[in-house]
């Protein structure tokens, strides 16, 4: 499946390049798609699933169904991987970039994912059973606090951030897992951290909190 997704991405990249010859200047999209499928993103998003799935099954059982909402889901990699294990759930991925829906449908055409173009703070799907945001470093501190506060009391929320502050778009990094926990725990409806962990990705550390 991974090879098939890479093959689709190459076809999309070729089309984007060809279209650039006719005045459709979207060449930055090539780098964007490549970056969305790099090894660090696969590792970080699979790590989320490997951590969440057994915890959720322990609490709720293996035959549950419901809704999963992914904020800032980009082209849909996290949604695709989530759907492989949460098969009975309706998986929705939202992003403000309208082209993520266009290319996401093509990358993951055989996965039952609903793409939405929206600001996650305005989403009607924040009532989901599981809410995911793997790009907390891209959100203003106040917006992230609002995002967490909007979730239903009983919903599980999974948040990821990192300590890689060298990118201009990383406007809300945390220097450590402990700092990340301290920044989000007060806004959880039950102030309950089910799991907190980090992985070393070479140039930076990625942090993850699962809470309620």
N, C-alpha and C. Protein backbone atom coordinates (compact mmCIF):
# COMPACT_ATOMS: atom_id res chain seq x y z
N UNK A 1 0.82 -1.20 0.00
CA UNK A 1 0.00 0.00 0.00
C UNK A 1 0.87 1.26 0.00
N UNK A 2 1.94 1.25 0.78
CA UNK A 2 2.82 2.42 0.84
C UNK A 2 3.42 2.71 -0.53
N UNK A 3 3.84 1.66 -1.24
CA UNK A 3 4.42 1.84 -2.58
C UNK A 3 3.37 2.40 -3.54
N UNK A 4 2.13 1.97 -3.39
CA UNK A 4 1.06 2.45 -4.27
C UNK A 4 0.82 3.95 -4.04
N UNK A 5 0.85 4.36 -2.79
CA UNK A 5 0.66 5.78 -2.47
C UNK A 5 1.81 6.60 -3.04
N UNK A 6 3.04 6.10 -2.91
CA UNK A 6 4.19 6.79 -3.49
C UNK A 6 4.04 6.90 -5.01
N UNK A 7 3.57 5.84 -5.64
CA UNK A 7 3.38 5.85 -7.09
C UNK A 7 2.36 6.91 -7.48
N UNK A 8 1.27 7.00 -6.73
CA UNK A 8 0.25 8.00 -7.01
C UNK A 8 0.82 9.41 -6.84
N UNK A 9 1.64 9.59 -5.80
CA UNK A 9 2.21 10.91 -5.57
C UNK A 9 3.12 11.33 -6.72
N UNK A 10 3.86 10.38 -7.28
CA UNK A 10 4.73 10.70 -8.42
C UNK A 10 3.91 11.10 -9.64
N UNK A 11 2.79 10.44 -9.86
CA UNK A 11 1.93 10.80 -10.98
C UNK A 11 1.36 12.21 -10.80
N UNK A 12 0.97 12.53 -9.58
CA UNK A 12 0.45 13.87 -9.29
C UNK A 12 1.54 14.92 -9.51
N UNK A 13 2.75 14.63 -9.02
CA UNK A 13 3.87 15.56 -9.18
C UNK A 13 4.17 15.80 -10.66
N UNK A 14 4.13 14.75 -11.44
CA UNK A 14 4.37 14.88 -12.88
C UNK A 14 3.31 15.78 -13.52
N UNK A 15 2.06 15.61 -13.12
CA UNK A 15 0.99 16.43 -13.67
C UNK A 15 1.15 17.90 -13.26
N UNK A 16 1.52 18.14 -12.01
CA UNK A 16 1.73 19.51 -11.55
C UNK A 16 2.83 20.18 -12.36
N UNK A 17 3.91 19.45 -12.59
CA UNK A 17 5.02 20.00 -13.37
C UNK A 17 4.58 20.28 -14.80
N UNK A 18 3.85 19.36 -15.40
CA UNK A 18 3.39 19.55 -16.78
C UNK A 18 2.46 20.77 -16.88
N UNK A 19 1.59 20.94 -15.90
CA UNK A 19 0.66 22.07 -15.91
C UNK A 19 1.39 23.40 -15.77
N UNK A 20 2.56 23.38 -15.12
CA UNK A 20 3.31 24.62 -14.95
C UNK A 20 3.78 25.19 -16.28
N UNK A 21 3.88 24.34 -17.30
CA UNK A 21 4.28 24.80 -18.63
C UNK A 21 3.19 25.66 -19.28
N UNK A 22 1.96 25.56 -18.73
CA UNK A 22 0.83 26.28 -19.33
C UNK A 22 0.30 27.35 -18.39
N UNK A 23 1.16 27.82 -17.50
CA UNK A 23 0.82 28.97 -16.68
C UNK A 23 0.19 28.67 -15.34
N UNK A 24 -0.02 27.39 -15.01
CA UNK A 24 -0.57 27.05 -13.71
C UNK A 24 0.60 26.91 -12.73
N UNK A 25 0.90 28.00 -12.05
CA UNK A 25 2.12 28.09 -11.24
C UNK A 25 1.87 27.57 -9.83
N UNK A 26 1.98 26.27 -9.66
CA UNK A 26 1.74 25.65 -8.35
C UNK A 26 2.89 24.70 -8.02
N UNK A 27 4.10 25.08 -8.45
CA UNK A 27 5.24 24.17 -8.29
C UNK A 27 5.60 23.91 -6.83
N UNK A 28 5.28 24.86 -5.94
CA UNK A 28 5.57 24.63 -4.51
C UNK A 28 4.82 23.40 -4.01
N UNK A 29 3.71 23.07 -4.69
CA UNK A 29 2.89 21.93 -4.28
C UNK A 29 3.67 20.63 -4.36
N UNK A 30 4.63 20.57 -5.28
CA UNK A 30 5.44 19.36 -5.41
C UNK A 30 6.18 19.07 -4.11
N UNK A 31 6.85 20.09 -3.59
CA UNK A 31 7.58 19.92 -2.33
C UNK A 31 6.63 19.60 -1.19
N UNK A 32 5.46 20.22 -1.21
CA UNK A 32 4.47 20.02 -0.16
C UNK A 32 4.01 18.57 -0.11
N UNK A 33 3.72 18.00 -1.26
CA UNK A 33 3.26 16.61 -1.33
C UNK A 33 4.38 15.66 -0.90
N UNK A 34 5.58 15.91 -1.39
CA UNK A 34 6.73 15.07 -1.01
C UNK A 34 6.93 15.11 0.50
N UNK A 35 6.88 16.31 1.07
CA UNK A 35 7.10 16.47 2.50
C UNK A 35 6.01 15.75 3.31
N UNK A 36 4.78 15.77 2.82
CA UNK A 36 3.67 15.16 3.55
C UNK A 36 3.81 13.64 3.66
N UNK A 37 4.63 13.06 2.78
CA UNK A 37 4.80 11.60 2.77
C UNK A 37 6.20 11.17 3.17
N UNK A 38 6.99 12.09 3.77
CA UNK A 38 8.35 11.70 4.13
C UNK A 38 8.33 10.76 5.34
N UNK A 39 9.48 10.16 5.61
CA UNK A 39 9.55 9.11 6.64
C UNK A 39 9.12 9.60 8.01
N UNK A 40 9.48 10.83 8.36
CA UNK A 40 9.11 11.34 9.68
C UNK A 40 7.61 11.42 9.87
N UNK A 41 6.89 11.77 8.80
CA UNK A 41 5.43 11.83 8.91
C UNK A 41 4.82 10.44 9.02
N UNK A 42 5.33 9.49 8.27
CA UNK A 42 4.85 8.12 8.40
C UNK A 42 5.09 7.61 9.82
N UNK A 43 6.30 7.83 10.33
CA UNK A 43 6.66 7.32 11.66
C UNK A 43 5.79 7.97 12.73
N UNK A 44 5.66 9.30 12.69
CA UNK A 44 4.89 9.99 13.71
C UNK A 44 3.43 9.62 13.71
N UNK A 45 2.86 9.43 12.54
CA UNK A 45 1.44 9.12 12.44
C UNK A 45 1.16 7.65 12.75
N UNK A 46 2.08 6.76 12.40
CA UNK A 46 1.91 5.35 12.78
C UNK A 46 2.11 5.17 14.28
N UNK A 47 3.02 5.92 14.85
CA UNK A 47 3.24 5.92 16.30
C UNK A 47 1.95 6.29 17.03
N UNK A 48 1.23 7.28 16.52
CA UNK A 48 -0.05 7.67 17.11
C UNK A 48 -1.01 6.48 17.14
N UNK A 49 -1.12 5.80 16.02
CA UNK A 49 -2.05 4.67 15.93
C UNK A 49 -1.63 3.53 16.84
N UNK A 50 -0.34 3.21 16.84
CA UNK A 50 0.16 2.10 17.66
C UNK A 50 -0.03 2.37 19.14
N UNK A 51 -0.08 3.64 19.53
CA UNK A 51 -0.30 4.01 20.93
C UNK A 51 -1.79 4.08 21.25
N UNK A 52 -2.56 4.73 20.36
CA UNK A 52 -3.98 4.97 20.61
C UNK A 52 -4.81 3.70 20.55
N UNK A 53 -4.60 2.87 19.55
CA UNK A 53 -5.51 1.75 19.28
C UNK A 53 -5.66 0.80 20.47
N UNK A 54 -4.57 0.32 21.07
CA UNK A 54 -4.76 -0.58 22.23
C UNK A 54 -5.37 0.12 23.44
N UNK A 55 -5.06 1.40 23.62
CA UNK A 55 -5.65 2.13 24.75
C UNK A 55 -7.16 2.29 24.55
N UNK A 56 -7.56 2.66 23.35
CA UNK A 56 -8.98 2.85 23.08
C UNK A 56 -9.74 1.53 23.23
N UNK A 57 -9.17 0.45 22.72
CA UNK A 57 -9.82 -0.85 22.83
C UNK A 57 -9.95 -1.30 24.28
N UNK A 58 -8.94 -0.98 25.09
CA UNK A 58 -8.98 -1.35 26.51
C UNK A 58 -10.11 -0.63 27.23
N UNK A 59 -10.36 0.62 26.85
CA UNK A 59 -11.40 1.41 27.52
C UNK A 59 -12.78 1.13 26.95
N UNK A 60 -12.90 1.03 25.63
CA UNK A 60 -14.20 0.98 24.99
C UNK A 60 -14.53 -0.34 24.30
N UNK A 61 -13.54 -1.22 24.14
CA UNK A 61 -13.78 -2.47 23.44
C UNK A 61 -13.42 -2.38 21.97
N UNK A 62 -13.42 -3.52 21.31
CA UNK A 62 -12.90 -3.59 19.94
C UNK A 62 -13.97 -3.42 18.86
N UNK A 63 -15.25 -3.48 19.23
CA UNK A 63 -16.31 -3.46 18.21
C UNK A 63 -17.06 -2.13 18.20
N UNK A 64 -16.44 -1.08 18.68
CA UNK A 64 -17.10 0.21 18.73
C UNK A 64 -17.08 0.90 17.37
N UNK A 65 -17.96 1.86 17.22
CA UNK A 65 -17.99 2.69 16.01
C UNK A 65 -18.24 4.12 16.46
N UNK A 66 -18.07 5.06 15.54
CA UNK A 66 -18.26 6.45 15.89
C UNK A 66 -17.63 7.35 14.85
N UNK A 67 -17.17 8.50 15.30
CA UNK A 67 -16.60 9.50 14.39
C UNK A 67 -15.23 9.94 14.88
N UNK A 68 -14.30 10.06 13.94
CA UNK A 68 -12.96 10.57 14.22
C UNK A 68 -12.74 11.82 13.37
N UNK A 69 -12.31 12.90 14.03
CA UNK A 69 -12.02 14.14 13.31
C UNK A 69 -10.54 14.47 13.44
N UNK A 70 -9.90 14.75 12.30
CA UNK A 70 -8.49 15.10 12.25
C UNK A 70 -8.36 16.54 11.79
N UNK A 71 -7.83 17.39 12.64
CA UNK A 71 -7.65 18.80 12.33
C UNK A 71 -6.31 19.02 11.65
N UNK A 72 -6.29 19.88 10.63
CA UNK A 72 -5.06 20.12 9.90
C UNK A 72 -4.52 18.84 9.29
N UNK A 73 -5.42 18.07 8.69
CA UNK A 73 -5.08 16.73 8.23
C UNK A 73 -4.29 16.66 6.93
N UNK A 74 -4.02 17.83 6.33
CA UNK A 74 -3.18 17.92 5.15
C UNK A 74 -3.76 17.06 4.03
N UNK A 75 -2.96 16.20 3.41
CA UNK A 75 -3.45 15.41 2.27
C UNK A 75 -4.08 14.09 2.69
N UNK A 76 -4.14 13.81 4.00
CA UNK A 76 -4.92 12.67 4.45
C UNK A 76 -4.14 11.45 4.91
N UNK A 77 -2.82 11.55 5.07
CA UNK A 77 -2.05 10.38 5.49
C UNK A 77 -2.52 9.86 6.84
N UNK A 78 -2.70 10.76 7.82
CA UNK A 78 -3.15 10.29 9.13
C UNK A 78 -4.53 9.65 9.05
N UNK A 79 -5.42 10.24 8.27
CA UNK A 79 -6.76 9.68 8.11
C UNK A 79 -6.70 8.30 7.47
N UNK A 80 -5.85 8.15 6.47
CA UNK A 80 -5.69 6.86 5.81
C UNK A 80 -5.21 5.79 6.79
N UNK A 81 -4.20 6.11 7.57
CA UNK A 81 -3.65 5.13 8.50
C UNK A 81 -4.65 4.81 9.62
N UNK A 82 -5.37 5.83 10.09
CA UNK A 82 -6.39 5.61 11.12
C UNK A 82 -7.47 4.66 10.63
N UNK A 83 -7.90 4.85 9.38
CA UNK A 83 -8.99 4.05 8.84
C UNK A 83 -8.61 2.57 8.73
N UNK A 84 -7.32 2.27 8.64
CA UNK A 84 -6.89 0.88 8.53
C UNK A 84 -7.21 0.08 9.79
N UNK A 85 -7.27 0.75 10.94
CA UNK A 85 -7.52 0.04 12.20
C UNK A 85 -8.88 0.38 12.81
N UNK A 86 -9.33 1.64 12.68
CA UNK A 86 -10.65 2.02 13.16
C UNK A 86 -11.63 1.88 12.00
N UNK A 87 -11.85 0.66 11.58
CA UNK A 87 -12.57 0.38 10.33
C UNK A 87 -14.04 0.78 10.40
N UNK A 88 -14.65 0.75 11.58
CA UNK A 88 -16.07 1.03 11.71
C UNK A 88 -16.36 2.51 11.98
N UNK A 89 -15.33 3.32 11.99
CA UNK A 89 -15.49 4.73 12.29
C UNK A 89 -15.58 5.57 11.03
N UNK A 90 -16.36 6.63 11.12
CA UNK A 90 -16.41 7.65 10.06
C UNK A 90 -15.23 8.59 10.29
N UNK A 91 -14.29 8.61 9.35
CA UNK A 91 -13.08 9.40 9.51
C UNK A 91 -13.16 10.65 8.65
N UNK A 92 -13.02 11.81 9.29
CA UNK A 92 -13.08 13.11 8.62
C UNK A 92 -11.76 13.83 8.82
N UNK A 93 -11.20 14.36 7.76
CA UNK A 93 -9.97 15.15 7.86
C UNK A 93 -10.23 16.54 7.30
N UNK A 94 -9.91 17.56 8.08
CA UNK A 94 -10.14 18.93 7.67
C UNK A 94 -8.86 19.72 7.51
N UNK A 95 -8.83 20.61 6.54
CA UNK A 95 -7.67 21.47 6.32
C UNK A 95 -8.14 22.73 5.61
N UNK A 96 -7.46 23.84 5.87
CA UNK A 96 -7.86 25.12 5.28
C UNK A 96 -7.44 25.25 3.81
N UNK A 97 -6.49 24.47 3.37
CA UNK A 97 -6.00 24.54 1.99
C UNK A 97 -6.94 23.73 1.09
N UNK A 98 -7.64 24.37 0.16
CA UNK A 98 -8.62 23.65 -0.67
C UNK A 98 -8.00 22.56 -1.54
N UNK A 99 -6.72 22.69 -1.86
CA UNK A 99 -6.10 21.69 -2.72
C UNK A 99 -5.78 20.39 -1.99
N UNK A 100 -5.80 20.42 -0.66
CA UNK A 100 -5.54 19.17 0.08
C UNK A 100 -6.65 18.16 -0.19
N UNK A 101 -7.87 18.65 -0.32
CA UNK A 101 -8.97 17.75 -0.64
C UNK A 101 -8.81 17.16 -2.04
N UNK A 102 -8.45 18.03 -2.98
CA UNK A 102 -8.29 17.60 -4.37
C UNK A 102 -7.24 16.49 -4.49
N UNK A 103 -6.06 16.74 -3.94
CA UNK A 103 -4.98 15.75 -4.07
C UNK A 103 -5.15 14.60 -3.08
N UNK A 104 -5.76 14.87 -1.94
CA UNK A 104 -5.98 13.81 -0.95
C UNK A 104 -6.87 12.70 -1.48
N UNK A 105 -7.92 13.08 -2.21
CA UNK A 105 -8.80 12.06 -2.79
C UNK A 105 -8.03 11.17 -3.77
N UNK A 106 -7.07 11.75 -4.45
CA UNK A 106 -6.31 10.98 -5.44
C UNK A 106 -5.26 10.09 -4.77
N UNK A 107 -4.62 10.60 -3.74
CA UNK A 107 -3.61 9.81 -3.04
C UNK A 107 -4.24 8.61 -2.33
N UNK A 108 -5.41 8.82 -1.76
CA UNK A 108 -6.03 7.78 -0.92
C UNK A 108 -7.42 7.43 -1.46
N UNK A 109 -7.47 7.21 -2.77
CA UNK A 109 -8.74 7.01 -3.46
C UNK A 109 -9.45 5.73 -3.03
N UNK A 110 -8.72 4.77 -2.49
CA UNK A 110 -9.35 3.51 -2.09
C UNK A 110 -9.58 3.43 -0.58
N UNK A 111 -9.47 4.57 0.11
CA UNK A 111 -9.74 4.62 1.54
C UNK A 111 -10.97 5.51 1.76
N UNK A 112 -11.89 5.04 2.59
CA UNK A 112 -13.14 5.76 2.83
C UNK A 112 -12.90 6.90 3.83
N UNK A 113 -12.47 8.04 3.30
CA UNK A 113 -12.17 9.23 4.09
C UNK A 113 -13.04 10.37 3.59
N UNK A 114 -13.54 11.18 4.51
CA UNK A 114 -14.24 12.40 4.12
C UNK A 114 -13.29 13.59 4.30
N UNK A 115 -13.02 14.30 3.22
CA UNK A 115 -12.18 15.49 3.26
C UNK A 115 -13.07 16.73 3.37
N UNK A 116 -12.65 17.69 4.19
CA UNK A 116 -13.36 18.96 4.30
C UNK A 116 -12.35 20.11 4.26
N UNK A 117 -12.73 21.18 3.58
CA UNK A 117 -11.92 22.40 3.55
C UNK A 117 -12.53 23.35 4.58
N UNK A 118 -11.80 23.57 5.67
CA UNK A 118 -12.38 24.36 6.76
C UNK A 118 -11.32 24.74 7.78
N UNK A 119 -11.66 25.71 8.60
CA UNK A 119 -10.90 26.05 9.79
C UNK A 119 -11.39 25.14 10.91
N UNK A 120 -10.47 24.41 11.53
CA UNK A 120 -10.88 23.43 12.53
C UNK A 120 -11.66 24.06 13.68
N UNK A 121 -11.42 25.35 13.97
CA UNK A 121 -12.11 26.00 15.07
C UNK A 121 -13.59 26.23 14.76
N UNK A 122 -13.94 26.16 13.48
CA UNK A 122 -15.33 26.34 13.06
C UNK A 122 -16.01 25.04 12.67
N UNK A 123 -15.32 23.92 12.86
CA UNK A 123 -15.82 22.64 12.37
C UNK A 123 -17.00 22.14 13.19
N UNK A 124 -18.02 21.63 12.50
CA UNK A 124 -19.15 21.00 13.18
C UNK A 124 -18.78 19.60 13.66
N UNK A 125 -17.62 19.12 13.26
CA UNK A 125 -17.21 17.76 13.60
C UNK A 125 -16.34 17.68 14.85
N UNK A 126 -16.22 18.78 15.57
CA UNK A 126 -15.51 18.73 16.85
C UNK A 126 -16.32 18.01 17.92
N UNK A 127 -17.49 17.48 17.54
CA UNK A 127 -18.26 16.62 18.44
C UNK A 127 -17.88 15.15 18.27
N UNK A 128 -16.77 14.89 17.60
CA UNK A 128 -16.35 13.52 17.31
C UNK A 128 -15.97 12.76 18.58
N UNK A 129 -15.97 11.45 18.48
CA UNK A 129 -15.57 10.59 19.60
C UNK A 129 -14.07 10.64 19.83
N UNK A 130 -13.33 10.78 18.74
CA UNK A 130 -11.87 10.90 18.80
C UNK A 130 -11.48 12.12 17.98
N UNK A 131 -10.69 13.01 18.57
CA UNK A 131 -10.25 14.23 17.91
C UNK A 131 -8.73 14.23 17.87
N UNK A 132 -8.17 14.51 16.70
CA UNK A 132 -6.72 14.41 16.50
C UNK A 132 -6.18 15.71 15.93
N UNK A 133 -5.06 16.15 16.48
CA UNK A 133 -4.34 17.29 15.93
C UNK A 133 -2.85 16.99 16.05
N UNK A 134 -2.22 16.67 14.93
CA UNK A 134 -0.79 16.32 14.95
C UNK A 134 0.10 17.50 14.56
N UNK A 135 -0.49 18.68 14.47
CA UNK A 135 0.28 19.86 14.04
C UNK A 135 0.08 21.04 14.99
N UNK A 136 0.13 20.76 16.28
CA UNK A 136 -0.08 21.81 17.28
C UNK A 136 0.97 22.91 17.17
N UNK A 137 2.15 22.56 16.67
CA UNK A 137 3.21 23.55 16.54
C UNK A 137 2.88 24.62 15.50
N UNK A 138 1.89 24.35 14.66
CA UNK A 138 1.48 25.31 13.62
C UNK A 138 0.36 26.24 14.08
N UNK A 139 -0.17 26.04 15.27
CA UNK A 139 -1.30 26.83 15.74
C UNK A 139 -0.87 27.84 16.80
N UNK A 140 -1.44 29.03 16.74
CA UNK A 140 -1.23 30.00 17.82
C UNK A 140 -1.64 29.36 19.14
N UNK A 141 -0.95 29.74 20.20
CA UNK A 141 -1.23 29.19 21.52
C UNK A 141 -2.71 29.36 21.89
N UNK A 142 -3.26 30.53 21.65
CA UNK A 142 -4.64 30.80 22.00
C UNK A 142 -5.60 29.95 21.17
N UNK A 143 -5.28 29.78 19.88
CA UNK A 143 -6.14 28.95 19.02
C UNK A 143 -6.11 27.49 19.46
N UNK A 144 -4.94 27.01 19.85
CA UNK A 144 -4.84 25.63 20.31
C UNK A 144 -5.65 25.44 21.60
N UNK A 145 -5.55 26.39 22.49
CA UNK A 145 -6.32 26.31 23.74
C UNK A 145 -7.82 26.28 23.44
N UNK A 146 -8.26 27.12 22.49
CA UNK A 146 -9.67 27.13 22.10
C UNK A 146 -10.07 25.81 21.48
N UNK A 147 -9.23 25.28 20.61
CA UNK A 147 -9.50 24.00 19.95
C UNK A 147 -9.73 22.90 20.98
N UNK A 148 -8.86 22.82 21.97
CA UNK A 148 -8.98 21.78 22.99
C UNK A 148 -10.25 21.99 23.82
N UNK A 149 -10.54 23.23 24.14
CA UNK A 149 -11.69 23.55 24.99
C UNK A 149 -13.03 23.26 24.30
N UNK A 150 -13.04 23.22 22.97
CA UNK A 150 -14.28 23.00 22.23
C UNK A 150 -14.70 21.54 22.19
N UNK A 151 -13.83 20.64 22.56
CA UNK A 151 -14.17 19.21 22.45
C UNK A 151 -15.22 18.80 23.49
N UNK A 152 -16.08 17.83 23.16
CA UNK A 152 -17.02 17.30 24.15
C UNK A 152 -16.27 16.68 25.33
N UNK A 153 -16.91 16.69 26.48
CA UNK A 153 -16.26 16.24 27.70
C UNK A 153 -15.74 14.82 27.60
N UNK A 154 -16.51 13.93 26.96
CA UNK A 154 -16.16 12.52 26.93
C UNK A 154 -15.24 12.14 25.77
N UNK A 155 -15.00 13.05 24.85
CA UNK A 155 -14.19 12.71 23.67
C UNK A 155 -12.72 12.53 24.04
N UNK A 156 -12.09 11.59 23.36
CA UNK A 156 -10.64 11.40 23.47
C UNK A 156 -9.97 12.37 22.51
N UNK A 157 -8.91 13.03 22.97
CA UNK A 157 -8.17 13.95 22.10
C UNK A 157 -6.71 13.53 22.06
N UNK A 158 -6.13 13.56 20.87
CA UNK A 158 -4.71 13.23 20.68
C UNK A 158 -4.03 14.44 20.08
N UNK A 159 -2.97 14.88 20.72
CA UNK A 159 -2.25 16.07 20.31
C UNK A 159 -0.78 15.74 20.12
N UNK A 160 -0.20 16.24 19.04
CA UNK A 160 1.24 16.10 18.81
C UNK A 160 1.86 17.46 18.55
N UNK A 161 3.09 17.64 19.04
CA UNK A 161 3.87 18.83 18.76
C UNK A 161 5.33 18.41 18.70
N UNK A 162 6.24 19.38 18.63
CA UNK A 162 7.66 19.05 18.59
C UNK A 162 8.49 20.20 19.14
N UNK A 163 9.81 19.99 19.17
CA UNK A 163 10.74 21.02 19.66
C UNK A 163 11.57 21.63 18.53
N UNK A 164 11.04 21.53 17.28
CA UNK A 164 11.79 22.01 16.12
C UNK A 164 11.33 23.43 15.78
N UNK A 165 11.94 24.41 16.40
CA UNK A 165 11.53 25.79 16.24
C UNK A 165 12.21 26.53 15.11
N UNK A 166 12.96 25.82 14.26
CA UNK A 166 13.72 26.47 13.19
C UNK A 166 12.87 26.84 11.98
N UNK A 167 11.67 26.30 11.86
CA UNK A 167 10.80 26.64 10.74
C UNK A 167 9.90 27.81 11.12
N UNK A 168 9.72 28.74 10.19
CA UNK A 168 8.88 29.90 10.45
C UNK A 168 7.44 29.51 10.77
N UNK A 169 6.98 28.41 10.17
CA UNK A 169 5.60 27.98 10.39
C UNK A 169 5.39 27.30 11.74
N UNK A 170 6.49 26.96 12.41
CA UNK A 170 6.40 26.35 13.74
C UNK A 170 6.35 27.46 14.79
N UNK A 171 5.16 27.93 15.06
CA UNK A 171 4.99 29.12 15.90
C UNK A 171 4.64 28.78 17.35
N UNK A 172 4.49 27.48 17.65
CA UNK A 172 4.07 27.11 19.00
C UNK A 172 4.71 25.79 19.42
N UNK A 173 6.02 25.72 19.30
CA UNK A 173 6.75 24.51 19.70
C UNK A 173 6.86 24.43 21.22
N UNK A 174 7.18 23.25 21.71
CA UNK A 174 7.47 23.04 23.13
C UNK A 174 8.89 22.52 23.25
N UNK A 175 9.58 22.95 24.29
CA UNK A 175 10.98 22.54 24.45
C UNK A 175 11.12 21.14 25.02
N UNK A 176 10.04 20.61 25.60
CA UNK A 176 10.09 19.27 26.21
C UNK A 176 8.68 18.71 26.28
N UNK A 177 8.58 17.41 26.52
CA UNK A 177 7.27 16.78 26.69
C UNK A 177 6.55 17.38 27.89
N UNK A 178 7.29 17.62 28.97
CA UNK A 178 6.69 18.18 30.18
C UNK A 178 6.07 19.56 29.91
N UNK A 179 6.79 20.38 29.12
CA UNK A 179 6.25 21.70 28.79
C UNK A 179 4.99 21.58 27.95
N UNK A 180 4.97 20.64 27.03
CA UNK A 180 3.80 20.43 26.19
C UNK A 180 2.60 20.00 27.04
N UNK A 181 2.83 19.09 27.97
CA UNK A 181 1.76 18.64 28.87
C UNK A 181 1.21 19.82 29.66
N UNK A 182 2.10 20.61 30.22
CA UNK A 182 1.68 21.75 31.05
C UNK A 182 0.88 22.78 30.25
N UNK A 183 1.18 22.87 28.95
CA UNK A 183 0.51 23.89 28.13
C UNK A 183 -0.91 23.48 27.73
N UNK A 184 -1.20 22.18 27.71
CA UNK A 184 -2.51 21.75 27.23
C UNK A 184 -3.40 21.11 28.30
N UNK A 185 -2.81 20.56 29.34
CA UNK A 185 -3.60 19.83 30.34
C UNK A 185 -4.71 20.66 30.97
N UNK A 186 -4.48 21.95 31.29
CA UNK A 186 -5.55 22.74 31.93
C UNK A 186 -6.80 22.90 31.08
N UNK A 187 -6.69 22.67 29.77
CA UNK A 187 -7.82 22.90 28.88
C UNK A 187 -8.57 21.62 28.54
N UNK A 188 -8.08 20.47 29.03
CA UNK A 188 -8.77 19.21 28.83
C UNK A 188 -10.01 19.17 29.72
N UNK A 189 -11.10 18.67 29.19
CA UNK A 189 -12.37 18.71 29.91
C UNK A 189 -12.31 17.94 31.23
N UNK A 190 -11.54 16.86 31.27
CA UNK A 190 -11.42 16.07 32.49
C UNK A 190 -10.03 16.19 33.12
N UNK A 191 -9.19 17.02 32.53
CA UNK A 191 -7.80 17.16 33.00
C UNK A 191 -7.12 15.81 33.17
N UNK A 192 -7.45 14.89 32.26
CA UNK A 192 -6.94 13.52 32.38
C UNK A 192 -6.00 13.23 31.22
N UNK A 193 -4.74 12.99 31.53
CA UNK A 193 -3.76 12.55 30.55
C UNK A 193 -3.71 11.03 30.59
N UNK A 194 -4.18 10.39 29.54
CA UNK A 194 -4.18 8.93 29.49
C UNK A 194 -2.79 8.42 29.14
N UNK A 195 -2.12 9.14 28.24
CA UNK A 195 -0.79 8.72 27.79
C UNK A 195 0.01 9.95 27.39
N UNK A 196 1.30 9.95 27.71
CA UNK A 196 2.20 11.00 27.23
C UNK A 196 3.51 10.33 26.85
N UNK A 197 4.05 10.70 25.70
CA UNK A 197 5.25 10.03 25.21
C UNK A 197 5.96 10.91 24.19
N UNK A 198 7.16 10.51 23.82
CA UNK A 198 7.91 11.23 22.80
C UNK A 198 8.78 10.26 22.03
N UNK A 199 9.12 10.65 20.81
CA UNK A 199 10.05 9.87 20.00
C UNK A 199 11.12 10.80 19.44
N UNK A 200 12.30 10.26 19.29
CA UNK A 200 13.43 10.98 18.72
C UNK A 200 13.44 10.75 17.22
N UNK A 201 13.28 11.82 16.45
CA UNK A 201 13.27 11.72 14.99
C UNK A 201 14.54 12.29 14.36
N UNK A 202 15.59 12.30 15.16
CA UNK A 202 16.89 12.74 14.64
C UNK A 202 17.13 14.22 14.86
N UNK A 203 16.55 15.05 13.98
CA UNK A 203 16.73 16.50 14.09
C UNK A 203 15.84 17.13 15.15
N UNK A 204 14.85 16.40 15.61
CA UNK A 204 13.92 16.95 16.59
C UNK A 204 13.21 15.82 17.32
N UNK A 205 12.55 16.18 18.40
CA UNK A 205 11.72 15.24 19.16
C UNK A 205 10.26 15.57 18.91
N UNK A 206 9.45 14.53 18.76
CA UNK A 206 8.00 14.72 18.62
C UNK A 206 7.34 14.26 19.90
N UNK A 207 6.38 15.06 20.37
CA UNK A 207 5.68 14.79 21.62
C UNK A 207 4.24 14.42 21.33
N UNK A 208 3.66 13.55 22.18
CA UNK A 208 2.27 13.18 21.99
C UNK A 208 1.57 13.03 23.33
N UNK A 209 0.35 13.56 23.38
CA UNK A 209 -0.52 13.45 24.54
C UNK A 209 -1.85 12.85 24.09
N UNK A 210 -2.32 11.87 24.81
CA UNK A 210 -3.67 11.34 24.63
C UNK A 210 -4.41 11.66 25.93
N UNK A 211 -5.54 12.36 25.82
CA UNK A 211 -6.22 12.77 27.04
C UNK A 211 -7.70 12.89 26.86
N UNK A 212 -8.34 13.35 27.93
CA UNK A 212 -9.80 13.49 27.92
C UNK A 212 -10.19 14.70 28.77
